N, C-alpha and C. Protein backbone atom coordinates (compact mmCIF):
# COMPACT_ATOMS: atom_id res chain seq x y z
N GLU A 1 92.49 -27.55 82.81
CA GLU A 1 92.95 -27.50 84.19
C GLU A 1 92.76 -26.07 84.69
N TYR A 2 92.24 -25.94 85.88
CA TYR A 2 91.94 -24.64 86.49
C TYR A 2 93.19 -24.08 87.13
N MET A 3 93.56 -22.82 86.79
CA MET A 3 94.78 -22.21 87.31
C MET A 3 94.52 -21.28 88.47
N GLY A 4 93.27 -21.01 88.76
CA GLY A 4 92.96 -20.13 89.87
C GLY A 4 92.67 -18.72 89.37
N PRO A 5 91.92 -17.96 90.17
CA PRO A 5 91.53 -16.61 89.73
C PRO A 5 92.69 -15.63 89.70
N HIS A 6 93.75 -15.87 90.45
CA HIS A 6 94.84 -14.90 90.50
C HIS A 6 95.74 -14.96 89.26
N LEU A 7 95.68 -16.01 88.47
CA LEU A 7 96.50 -16.11 87.26
C LEU A 7 95.82 -15.48 86.05
N LEU A 8 94.52 -15.29 86.11
CA LEU A 8 93.80 -14.71 84.98
C LEU A 8 94.26 -13.28 84.69
N PRO A 9 94.41 -12.39 85.69
CA PRO A 9 94.89 -11.05 85.38
C PRO A 9 96.29 -11.06 84.77
N MET A 10 97.14 -11.97 85.16
CA MET A 10 98.48 -12.04 84.58
C MET A 10 98.42 -12.41 83.11
N ALA A 11 97.51 -13.30 82.76
CA ALA A 11 97.37 -13.72 81.36
C ALA A 11 96.88 -12.53 80.53
N SER A 12 95.90 -11.78 81.04
CA SER A 12 95.39 -10.64 80.27
C SER A 12 96.44 -9.53 80.21
N LEU A 13 97.25 -9.38 81.28
CA LEU A 13 98.33 -8.40 81.28
C LEU A 13 99.37 -8.75 80.23
N THR A 14 99.68 -10.03 80.12
CA THR A 14 100.64 -10.47 79.10
C THR A 14 100.10 -10.17 77.70
N THR A 15 98.80 -10.39 77.49
CA THR A 15 98.20 -10.10 76.20
C THR A 15 98.26 -8.60 75.90
N VAL A 16 97.97 -7.78 76.89
CA VAL A 16 98.03 -6.33 76.72
C VAL A 16 99.45 -5.91 76.41
N MET A 17 100.42 -6.48 77.11
CA MET A 17 101.83 -6.14 76.85
C MET A 17 102.23 -6.54 75.44
N ASP A 18 101.75 -7.70 74.96
CA ASP A 18 102.06 -8.12 73.59
C ASP A 18 101.48 -7.14 72.58
N HIS A 19 100.24 -6.71 72.79
CA HIS A 19 99.62 -5.75 71.89
C HIS A 19 100.33 -4.40 71.95
N ALA A 20 100.72 -3.98 73.14
CA ALA A 20 101.43 -2.71 73.27
C ALA A 20 102.77 -2.77 72.54
N THR A 21 103.45 -3.89 72.62
CA THR A 21 104.73 -4.06 71.92
C THR A 21 104.53 -3.94 70.41
N VAL A 22 103.47 -4.53 69.91
CA VAL A 22 103.17 -4.45 68.48
C VAL A 22 102.87 -3.01 68.08
N VAL A 23 102.07 -2.32 68.87
CA VAL A 23 101.69 -0.94 68.54
C VAL A 23 102.92 -0.03 68.60
N VAL A 24 103.75 -0.18 69.63
CA VAL A 24 104.95 0.65 69.74
C VAL A 24 105.90 0.36 68.59
N GLY A 25 106.05 -0.90 68.22
CA GLY A 25 106.92 -1.25 67.08
C GLY A 25 106.40 -0.65 65.79
N TYR A 26 105.08 -0.70 65.59
CA TYR A 26 104.48 -0.11 64.39
C TYR A 26 104.69 1.40 64.37
N ALA A 27 104.46 2.06 65.50
CA ALA A 27 104.65 3.51 65.57
C ALA A 27 106.10 3.89 65.30
N ARG A 28 107.03 3.09 65.82
CA ARG A 28 108.45 3.36 65.59
C ARG A 28 108.78 3.22 64.10
N ASP A 29 108.22 2.20 63.45
CA ASP A 29 108.47 2.01 62.02
C ASP A 29 107.88 3.15 61.18
N VAL A 30 106.68 3.60 61.56
CA VAL A 30 106.05 4.70 60.82
C VAL A 30 106.86 5.98 60.99
N CYS A 31 107.31 6.26 62.22
CA CYS A 31 108.11 7.46 62.47
C CYS A 31 109.43 7.41 61.71
N ALA A 32 110.07 6.25 61.69
CA ALA A 32 111.33 6.11 60.96
C ALA A 32 111.10 6.32 59.46
N SER A 33 110.01 5.78 58.95
CA SER A 33 109.70 5.95 57.53
C SER A 33 109.43 7.42 57.20
N LEU A 34 108.68 8.10 58.05
CA LEU A 34 108.41 9.52 57.83
C LEU A 34 109.70 10.33 57.86
N TYR A 35 110.56 10.02 58.81
CA TYR A 35 111.81 10.76 58.93
C TYR A 35 112.70 10.52 57.70
N GLN A 36 112.72 9.31 57.18
CA GLN A 36 113.53 9.03 55.98
C GLN A 36 112.97 9.74 54.76
N ASN A 37 111.64 9.79 54.65
CA ASN A 37 111.03 10.40 53.47
C ASN A 37 111.06 11.92 53.50
N ASP A 38 110.88 12.52 54.67
CA ASP A 38 110.82 13.97 54.76
C ASP A 38 111.29 14.44 56.13
N PRO A 39 112.61 14.52 56.33
CA PRO A 39 113.13 14.86 57.67
C PRO A 39 112.78 16.29 58.11
N TYR A 40 112.69 17.23 57.15
CA TYR A 40 112.37 18.61 57.52
C TYR A 40 110.94 18.72 58.07
N HIS A 41 110.03 17.99 57.45
CA HIS A 41 108.65 17.99 57.90
C HIS A 41 108.55 17.46 59.34
N VAL A 42 109.26 16.37 59.59
CA VAL A 42 109.25 15.78 60.94
C VAL A 42 109.87 16.75 61.94
N ALA A 43 110.95 17.43 61.56
CA ALA A 43 111.61 18.38 62.46
C ALA A 43 110.68 19.55 62.80
N ILE A 44 109.97 20.05 61.79
CA ILE A 44 109.04 21.17 62.02
C ILE A 44 107.89 20.72 62.92
N GLU A 45 107.34 19.54 62.67
CA GLU A 45 106.25 19.05 63.51
C GLU A 45 106.72 18.81 64.95
N LEU A 46 107.91 18.30 65.10
CA LEU A 46 108.46 18.09 66.44
C LEU A 46 108.65 19.42 67.17
N ALA A 47 109.17 20.42 66.46
CA ALA A 47 109.35 21.74 67.06
C ALA A 47 107.99 22.34 67.46
N LEU A 48 106.98 22.19 66.62
CA LEU A 48 105.65 22.69 66.95
C LEU A 48 105.06 21.96 68.16
N ALA A 49 105.28 20.65 68.24
CA ALA A 49 104.77 19.89 69.38
C ALA A 49 105.45 20.33 70.68
N VAL A 50 106.77 20.57 70.61
CA VAL A 50 107.49 21.04 71.79
C VAL A 50 106.98 22.42 72.19
N TRP A 51 106.73 23.28 71.21
CA TRP A 51 106.23 24.64 71.49
C TRP A 51 104.85 24.58 72.14
N VAL A 52 103.97 23.71 71.64
CA VAL A 52 102.63 23.57 72.22
C VAL A 52 102.73 23.07 73.66
N LEU A 53 103.59 22.09 73.90
CA LEU A 53 103.79 21.60 75.27
C LEU A 53 104.32 22.71 76.18
N TYR A 54 105.24 23.50 75.67
CA TYR A 54 105.77 24.63 76.44
C TYR A 54 104.65 25.59 76.81
N LEU A 55 103.80 25.93 75.84
CA LEU A 55 102.70 26.85 76.11
C LEU A 55 101.70 26.27 77.10
N MET A 56 101.49 24.96 77.04
CA MET A 56 100.54 24.33 77.95
C MET A 56 101.04 24.31 79.39
N PHE A 57 102.33 24.13 79.57
CA PHE A 57 102.85 23.93 80.92
C PHE A 57 103.54 25.14 81.52
N LYS A 58 103.67 26.22 80.77
CA LYS A 58 104.31 27.39 81.36
C LYS A 58 103.35 28.06 82.34
N ARG A 59 103.92 28.79 83.26
CA ARG A 59 103.08 29.47 84.25
C ARG A 59 102.32 30.59 83.57
N SER A 60 101.14 30.83 84.09
CA SER A 60 100.33 31.89 83.50
C SER A 60 100.94 33.25 83.85
N TYR A 61 100.61 34.22 83.07
CA TYR A 61 101.13 35.56 83.25
C TYR A 61 100.58 36.15 84.53
N SER A 62 101.45 36.67 85.37
CA SER A 62 100.99 37.34 86.58
C SER A 62 101.48 38.79 86.52
N PRO A 63 100.57 39.72 86.45
CA PRO A 63 100.98 41.12 86.35
C PRO A 63 101.70 41.56 87.62
N LYS A 64 102.53 42.58 87.45
CA LYS A 64 103.26 43.11 88.61
C LYS A 64 102.26 43.74 89.58
N ALA A 65 102.76 44.04 90.74
CA ALA A 65 101.89 44.63 91.75
C ALA A 65 101.27 45.92 91.23
N LEU A 66 100.05 46.16 91.60
CA LEU A 66 99.37 47.36 91.15
C LEU A 66 100.04 48.60 91.74
N PRO A 67 100.08 49.68 90.98
CA PRO A 67 100.69 50.89 91.52
C PRO A 67 99.87 51.43 92.69
N GLU A 68 100.52 52.24 93.49
CA GLU A 68 99.82 52.81 94.64
C GLU A 68 98.69 53.71 94.15
N LYS A 69 97.65 53.77 94.93
CA LYS A 69 96.51 54.62 94.56
C LYS A 69 96.89 56.08 94.76
N LEU A 70 96.35 56.93 93.90
CA LEU A 70 96.63 58.36 93.98
C LEU A 70 95.84 58.97 95.13
N THR A 71 96.45 59.96 95.73
CA THR A 71 95.74 60.68 96.79
C THR A 71 94.77 61.66 96.14
N GLN A 72 93.86 62.17 96.92
CA GLN A 72 92.88 63.12 96.42
C GLN A 72 93.56 64.38 95.90
N LYS A 73 94.64 64.79 96.55
CA LYS A 73 95.38 65.97 96.12
C LYS A 73 96.01 65.75 94.74
N GLU A 74 96.61 64.57 94.55
CA GLU A 74 97.23 64.26 93.26
C GLU A 74 96.19 64.19 92.15
N ILE A 75 95.03 63.64 92.46
CA ILE A 75 93.95 63.58 91.46
C ILE A 75 93.51 64.99 91.09
N SER A 76 93.37 65.86 92.07
CA SER A 76 92.97 67.24 91.79
C SER A 76 94.00 67.96 90.93
N GLU A 77 95.28 67.74 91.21
CA GLU A 77 96.34 68.37 90.41
C GLU A 77 96.29 67.89 88.97
N LEU A 78 96.09 66.58 88.78
CA LEU A 78 96.02 66.05 87.42
C LEU A 78 94.81 66.61 86.67
N VAL A 79 93.69 66.73 87.35
CA VAL A 79 92.49 67.26 86.71
C VAL A 79 92.69 68.72 86.32
N GLU A 80 93.36 69.50 87.18
CA GLU A 80 93.61 70.91 86.87
C GLU A 80 94.56 71.07 85.69
N GLU A 81 95.53 70.18 85.55
CA GLU A 81 96.52 70.26 84.46
C GLU A 81 95.94 69.78 83.14
N TRP A 82 94.89 68.98 83.18
CA TRP A 82 94.36 68.36 81.99
C TRP A 82 93.65 69.37 81.11
N THR A 83 93.97 69.29 79.80
CA THR A 83 93.24 70.10 78.82
C THR A 83 92.70 69.14 77.77
N PRO A 84 91.43 69.22 77.47
CA PRO A 84 90.85 68.29 76.50
C PRO A 84 91.37 68.55 75.09
N VAL A 85 91.50 67.50 74.34
CA VAL A 85 91.95 67.59 72.95
C VAL A 85 90.70 67.53 72.07
N PRO A 86 90.58 68.43 71.09
CA PRO A 86 89.40 68.40 70.23
C PRO A 86 89.31 67.09 69.46
N LEU A 87 88.10 66.61 69.26
CA LEU A 87 87.89 65.37 68.53
C LEU A 87 88.00 65.57 67.02
N CYS A 88 87.77 66.79 66.56
CA CYS A 88 87.89 67.09 65.14
C CYS A 88 88.48 68.50 65.00
N PRO A 89 89.04 68.80 63.85
CA PRO A 89 89.61 70.13 63.67
C PRO A 89 88.50 71.19 63.66
N PRO A 90 88.83 72.42 63.98
CA PRO A 90 87.80 73.47 63.96
C PRO A 90 87.32 73.71 62.53
N LEU A 91 86.07 74.19 62.43
CA LEU A 91 85.49 74.46 61.11
C LEU A 91 86.17 75.67 60.48
N THR A 92 86.34 75.58 59.18
CA THR A 92 86.86 76.75 58.46
C THR A 92 85.72 77.75 58.29
N GLU A 93 86.05 78.93 57.87
CA GLU A 93 85.04 79.98 57.66
C GLU A 93 84.01 79.52 56.63
N ARG A 94 84.49 78.89 55.58
CA ARG A 94 83.60 78.42 54.50
C ARG A 94 82.64 77.35 55.03
N GLN A 95 83.17 76.41 55.83
CA GLN A 95 82.32 75.35 56.37
C GLN A 95 81.28 75.91 57.34
N ALA A 96 81.67 76.89 58.13
CA ALA A 96 80.75 77.45 59.11
C ALA A 96 79.60 78.20 58.44
N ASN A 97 79.87 78.85 57.32
CA ASN A 97 78.85 79.67 56.66
C ASN A 97 78.13 78.94 55.54
N SER A 98 78.45 77.71 55.30
CA SER A 98 77.85 76.95 54.21
C SER A 98 76.42 76.55 54.58
N PRO A 99 75.45 76.86 53.68
CA PRO A 99 74.06 76.47 53.97
C PRO A 99 73.85 74.96 53.80
N GLU A 100 74.79 74.29 53.17
CA GLU A 100 74.65 72.86 52.93
C GLU A 100 75.02 72.01 54.14
N SER A 101 75.57 72.63 55.17
CA SER A 101 75.98 71.86 56.34
C SER A 101 74.76 71.32 57.06
N PRO A 102 74.66 70.03 57.20
CA PRO A 102 73.49 69.47 57.92
C PRO A 102 73.59 69.76 59.41
N ILE A 103 72.47 70.10 59.99
CA ILE A 103 72.42 70.38 61.42
C ILE A 103 71.40 69.43 62.02
N LEU A 104 71.82 68.67 63.01
CA LEU A 104 70.93 67.74 63.69
C LEU A 104 70.21 68.50 64.80
N GLU A 105 68.90 68.54 64.69
CA GLU A 105 68.13 69.29 65.68
C GLU A 105 67.45 68.38 66.68
N SER A 106 67.09 67.18 66.27
CA SER A 106 66.46 66.25 67.21
C SER A 106 66.62 64.82 66.69
N ILE A 107 66.44 63.90 67.61
CA ILE A 107 66.49 62.48 67.25
C ILE A 107 65.16 61.88 67.66
N GLU A 108 64.50 61.29 66.68
CA GLU A 108 63.20 60.68 66.97
C GLU A 108 63.38 59.17 67.02
N PRO A 109 62.77 58.54 68.02
CA PRO A 109 62.90 57.08 68.13
C PRO A 109 62.14 56.34 67.05
């Protein structure tokens, strides 16, 4: 007997709901079994899942407003106050007079 085209989606929806009920019941049984066998493991995994969700949904970092730009006078003052720091300590008398000190005179490609 023909039930009409509008009843067919309801039949397939009922089938999907039945399958979903079975899957949810199975997942619930597996989770309960895992929790009974190793509750600490489940607690740690749950905490990690919550942490991952937190990281995914938190707002991205937004830096504070940029500081005001320096005036030309302030830049000049900073440049005048600046003293360069040596990259290496000064040579000792022995190092300066040593004939073994390599001296780079040119670089050839």
